[in-house]
Amino acid sequence: MIPPEPLKRESLPKDTVALAKFLIGKLVVREFLDGFASGRIVETEAYLTNDAASHSYRGPTPRNKVMFSAPGYAYIYLSYGVSYMLNVSGGEEGIGEGVLIRAAEPVSGIGIMRRLRGDVPIRDLMRGPGRLAKALSINLSQNGVDLCRKGPLWLVQGEKPVGEVGVSVRIGINRDAHRLLRFFERGSPFVSGPAFLNKSIASES
């Protein structure tokens, strides 16, 4: 079955923190030669201007230039030479902000994901940004892809209602680690990270 139409760029919040919350419950869709795979986003992290943990902190480079584009483009990088990470560009064009997609609930194409990830429990297929990227065969070839139009990778509106959204500090960073910029659907078994963070306070909006 062909997935629904992509999100419209004008529907994306211009504020990156708002975008990180907005993306909870949305679907990330990957097209393969033999079908589609998709996951419902349950966890995100925002990376902002003047954020020492952000790749854009020291300005634009050939590596991070997608972060300085208009909202809704895929910024993909290889973390520690091991795992690819999927980010969505955020903020106004030229600003340099983004949202890391940390985890998703598998929705369709489970067989494709298991072919890529192995025979792991469904809960673990996309629980964590590296696992998510591997389950969808995300790599540098999709860097810069427009996620608001159909192609190898795009975003669509989810159908399942979103539960209470929690907020916590981000995971696996050392600089600006105190900032409450991680958002997640509370109670979802597909959220990554330590249990104590996933009991954090509810987001105000």
Protein backbone atom coordinates (compact mmCIF):
# COMPACT_ATOMS: atom_id res chain seq x y z
CA MET A 1 0.00 0.00 0.00
CA ILE A 2 1.31 3.46 -0.89
CA PRO A 3 1.61 5.64 2.26
CA PRO A 4 -0.34 8.91 2.61
CA GLU A 5 0.89 12.22 1.26
CA PRO A 6 3.87 13.86 2.99
CA LEU A 7 3.52 16.58 5.58
CA LYS A 8 3.30 20.04 4.04
CA ARG A 9 6.25 22.28 4.85
CA GLU A 10 3.90 25.08 5.89
CA SER A 11 2.50 22.79 8.60
CA LEU A 12 5.90 22.49 10.29
CA PRO A 13 6.42 24.82 13.27
CA LYS A 14 9.17 27.36 12.63
CA ASP A 15 10.34 27.06 16.25
CA THR A 16 12.63 24.02 16.57
CA VAL A 17 11.50 23.07 20.08
CA ALA A 18 7.91 23.16 18.86
CA LEU A 19 8.96 21.05 15.85
CA ALA A 20 10.52 18.43 18.14
CA LYS A 21 7.20 18.12 19.98
CA PHE A 22 5.17 18.27 16.74
CA LEU A 23 7.05 15.30 15.28
CA ILE A 24 5.94 12.99 18.10
CA GLY A 25 3.27 10.75 16.58
CA LYS A 26 4.22 11.48 12.98
CA LEU A 27 5.41 8.67 10.69
CA VAL A 28 8.77 8.42 9.00
CA VAL A 29 8.40 6.44 5.77
CA ARG A 30 11.13 4.70 3.78
CA GLU A 31 10.62 3.43 0.24
CA PHE A 32 12.37 0.22 -0.83
CA LEU A 33 12.35 -1.63 -4.14
CA ASP A 34 10.05 -4.25 -2.62
CA GLY A 35 7.76 -2.04 -0.57
CA PHE A 36 7.62 0.51 2.23
CA ALA A 37 8.58 0.55 5.88
CA SER A 38 7.44 3.11 8.41
CA GLY A 39 7.71 3.99 12.06
CA ARG A 40 5.69 6.23 14.35
CA ILE A 41 8.03 8.72 16.01
CA VAL A 42 7.94 8.51 19.82
CA GLU A 43 11.13 10.34 20.84
CA THR A 44 13.01 13.41 19.59
CA GLU A 45 15.71 15.85 20.68
CA ALA A 46 16.05 19.50 19.66
CA TYR A 47 19.41 21.10 18.81
CA LEU A 48 19.36 24.88 18.75
CA THR A 49 21.33 28.02 17.93
CA ASN A 50 24.07 28.73 20.51
CA ASP A 51 23.75 25.11 21.66
CA ALA A 52 27.20 23.69 22.41
CA ALA A 53 25.91 20.16 21.75
CA SER A 54 24.74 21.04 18.23
CA HIS A 55 26.73 20.38 15.07
CA SER A 56 25.85 23.92 13.98
CA TYR A 57 27.43 25.55 17.03
CA ARG A 58 30.49 26.86 15.15
CA GLY A 59 28.61 27.77 11.98
CA PRO A 60 27.95 26.12 8.62
CA THR A 61 30.33 23.52 7.19
CA PRO A 62 30.04 21.10 4.24
CA ARG A 63 28.98 18.45 6.75
CA ASN A 64 26.22 20.35 8.56
CA LYS A 65 24.93 22.65 5.79
CA VAL A 66 21.53 20.90 5.70
CA MET A 67 20.88 22.19 9.23
CA PHE A 68 20.92 25.72 7.77
CA SER A 69 18.28 24.93 5.14
CA ALA A 70 14.53 25.48 5.44
CA PRO A 71 12.65 23.19 7.86
CA GLY A 72 11.87 19.63 6.80
CA TYR A 73 15.07 18.33 5.21
CA ALA A 74 16.98 15.23 6.29
CA TYR A 75 20.31 15.91 7.98
CA ILE A 76 22.12 12.58 8.30
CA TYR A 77 25.52 11.97 9.81
CA LEU A 78 27.62 9.02 10.97
CA SER A 79 28.08 8.99 14.74
CA TYR A 80 31.43 7.74 16.06
CA GLY A 81 31.98 5.91 12.77
CA VAL A 82 29.31 3.35 13.72
CA SER A 83 25.69 4.50 13.45
CA TYR A 84 23.83 6.87 11.16
CA MET A 85 21.52 9.45 12.73
CA LEU A 86 18.39 10.93 11.16
CA ASN A 87 17.67 14.59 11.90
CA VAL A 88 15.06 17.01 10.56
CA SER A 89 16.21 20.56 9.81
CA GLY A 90 14.35 23.13 11.89
CA GLY A 91 14.07 26.86 12.45
CA GLU A 92 14.26 29.56 9.83
CA GLU A 93 16.48 29.08 6.80
CA GLY A 94 20.05 30.13 7.60
CA ILE A 95 19.70 29.62 11.36
CA GLY A 96 21.16 26.12 11.75
CA GLU A 97 18.89 24.05 13.99
CA GLY A 98 17.53 20.52 13.89
CA VAL A 99 15.64 17.69 15.54
CA LEU A 100 17.16 14.25 16.09
CA ILE A 101 14.69 11.38 15.62
CA ARG A 102 15.66 9.13 18.51
CA ALA A 103 13.09 6.33 18.41
CA ALA A 104 9.98 5.08 16.64
CA GLU A 105 7.29 2.43 16.94
CA PRO A 106 7.38 0.08 13.92
CA VAL A 107 4.16 0.41 11.90
CA SER A 108 4.68 -1.25 8.51
CA GLY A 109 7.37 -3.19 6.70
CA ILE A 110 8.35 -5.23 9.76
CA GLY A 111 9.78 -7.95 7.52
CA ILE A 112 11.98 -5.42 5.74
CA MET A 113 13.21 -4.05 9.06
CA ARG A 114 14.05 -7.50 10.37
CA ARG A 115 15.94 -8.26 7.20
CA LEU A 116 18.07 -5.21 7.95
CA ARG A 117 18.24 -5.52 11.75
CA GLY A 118 18.00 -9.27 12.31
CA ASP A 119 15.40 -11.24 14.22
CA VAL A 120 15.08 -8.84 17.15
CA PRO A 121 11.94 -8.08 19.18
CA ILE A 122 9.64 -5.53 17.56
CA ARG A 123 10.19 -3.27 20.58
CA ASP A 124 13.88 -3.04 19.76
CA LEU A 125 13.70 -2.56 15.98
CA MET A 126 13.71 1.27 16.16
CA ARG A 127 14.34 1.96 19.86
CA GLY A 128 17.31 4.32 19.59
CA PRO A 129 18.56 6.52 16.74
CA GLY A 130 21.15 4.09 15.40
CA ARG A 131 18.68 1.20 15.40
CA LEU A 132 16.07 3.36 13.70
CA ALA A 133 18.47 4.32 10.93
CA LYS A 134 19.54 0.72 10.39
CA ALA A 135 15.94 -0.53 10.35
CA LEU A 136 15.17 1.95 7.55
CA SER A 137 18.52 1.61 5.76
CA ILE A 138 19.24 5.29 6.31
CA ASN A 139 22.71 6.48 5.30
CA LEU A 140 24.48 9.48 3.80
CA SER A 141 22.84 8.91 0.42
CA GLN A 142 19.63 10.41 1.87
CA ASN A 143 21.37 13.44 3.40
CA GLY A 144 19.55 16.57 2.20
CA VAL A 145 16.41 14.71 1.08
CA ASP A 146 13.23 16.77 1.25
CA LEU A 147 11.08 15.03 3.87
CA CYS A 148 8.02 16.98 2.70
CA ARG A 149 7.82 15.22 -0.64
CA LYS A 150 7.70 11.57 -1.67
CA GLY A 151 11.06 10.02 -2.40
CA PRO A 152 13.33 7.58 -0.60
CA LEU A 153 12.34 9.03 2.79
CA TRP A 154 9.54 11.31 3.97
CA LEU A 155 7.26 12.28 6.85
CA VAL A 156 3.49 11.81 7.07
CA GLN A 157 0.71 12.53 9.55
CA GLY A 158 0.13 9.71 12.02
CA GLU A 159 -3.33 8.31 12.75
CA LYS A 160 -2.81 7.09 16.32
CA PRO A 161 -3.49 9.75 18.97
CA VAL A 162 -0.44 11.03 20.82
CA GLY A 163 -0.29 10.41 24.54
CA GLU A 164 1.19 12.72 27.16
CA VAL A 165 4.52 14.15 26.02
CA GLY A 166 7.34 14.11 28.54
CA VAL A 167 10.48 16.23 28.55
CA SER A 168 13.98 15.54 29.87
CA VAL A 169 17.63 16.30 29.34
CA ARG A 170 19.17 14.91 26.17
CA ILE A 171 21.01 11.59 26.05
CA GLY A 172 24.68 10.89 25.36
CA ILE A 173 26.01 14.46 25.30
CA ASN A 174 28.46 16.31 27.51
CA ARG A 175 28.01 19.97 26.52
CA ASP A 176 24.81 21.83 27.43
CA ALA A 177 23.65 18.57 28.94
CA HIS A 178 21.32 20.32 31.41
CA ARG A 179 18.92 21.61 28.76
CA LEU A 180 15.45 20.06 28.70
CA LEU A 181 15.28 19.41 24.96
CA ARG A 182 14.37 15.72 24.73
CA PHE A 183 10.69 14.92 24.12
CA PHE A 184 8.99 11.54 24.23
CA GLU A 185 5.61 9.87 24.42
CA ARG A 186 5.26 8.85 28.04
CA GLY A 187 4.45 5.17 28.56
CA SER A 188 5.57 4.08 25.11
CA PRO A 189 7.66 0.88 25.26
CA PHE A 190 9.45 2.03 22.10
CA VAL A 191 11.14 5.03 23.76
CA SER A 192 14.89 4.68 24.33
CA GLY A 193 16.98 5.85 27.25
CA PRO A 194 17.10 5.06 30.96
CA ALA A 195 13.84 4.47 32.78
CA PHE A 196 14.36 7.33 35.24
CA LEU A 197 14.44 9.86 32.38
CA ASN A 198 11.26 8.46 30.88
CA LYS A 199 9.38 9.29 34.07
CA SER A 200 10.30 12.94 33.71
CA ILE A 201 7.90 15.84 33.97
CA ALA A 202 5.25 16.43 31.34
CA SER A 203 5.86 19.02 28.65
CA GLU A 204 3.97 22.26 29.13
CA SER A 205 2.85 22.39 25.51
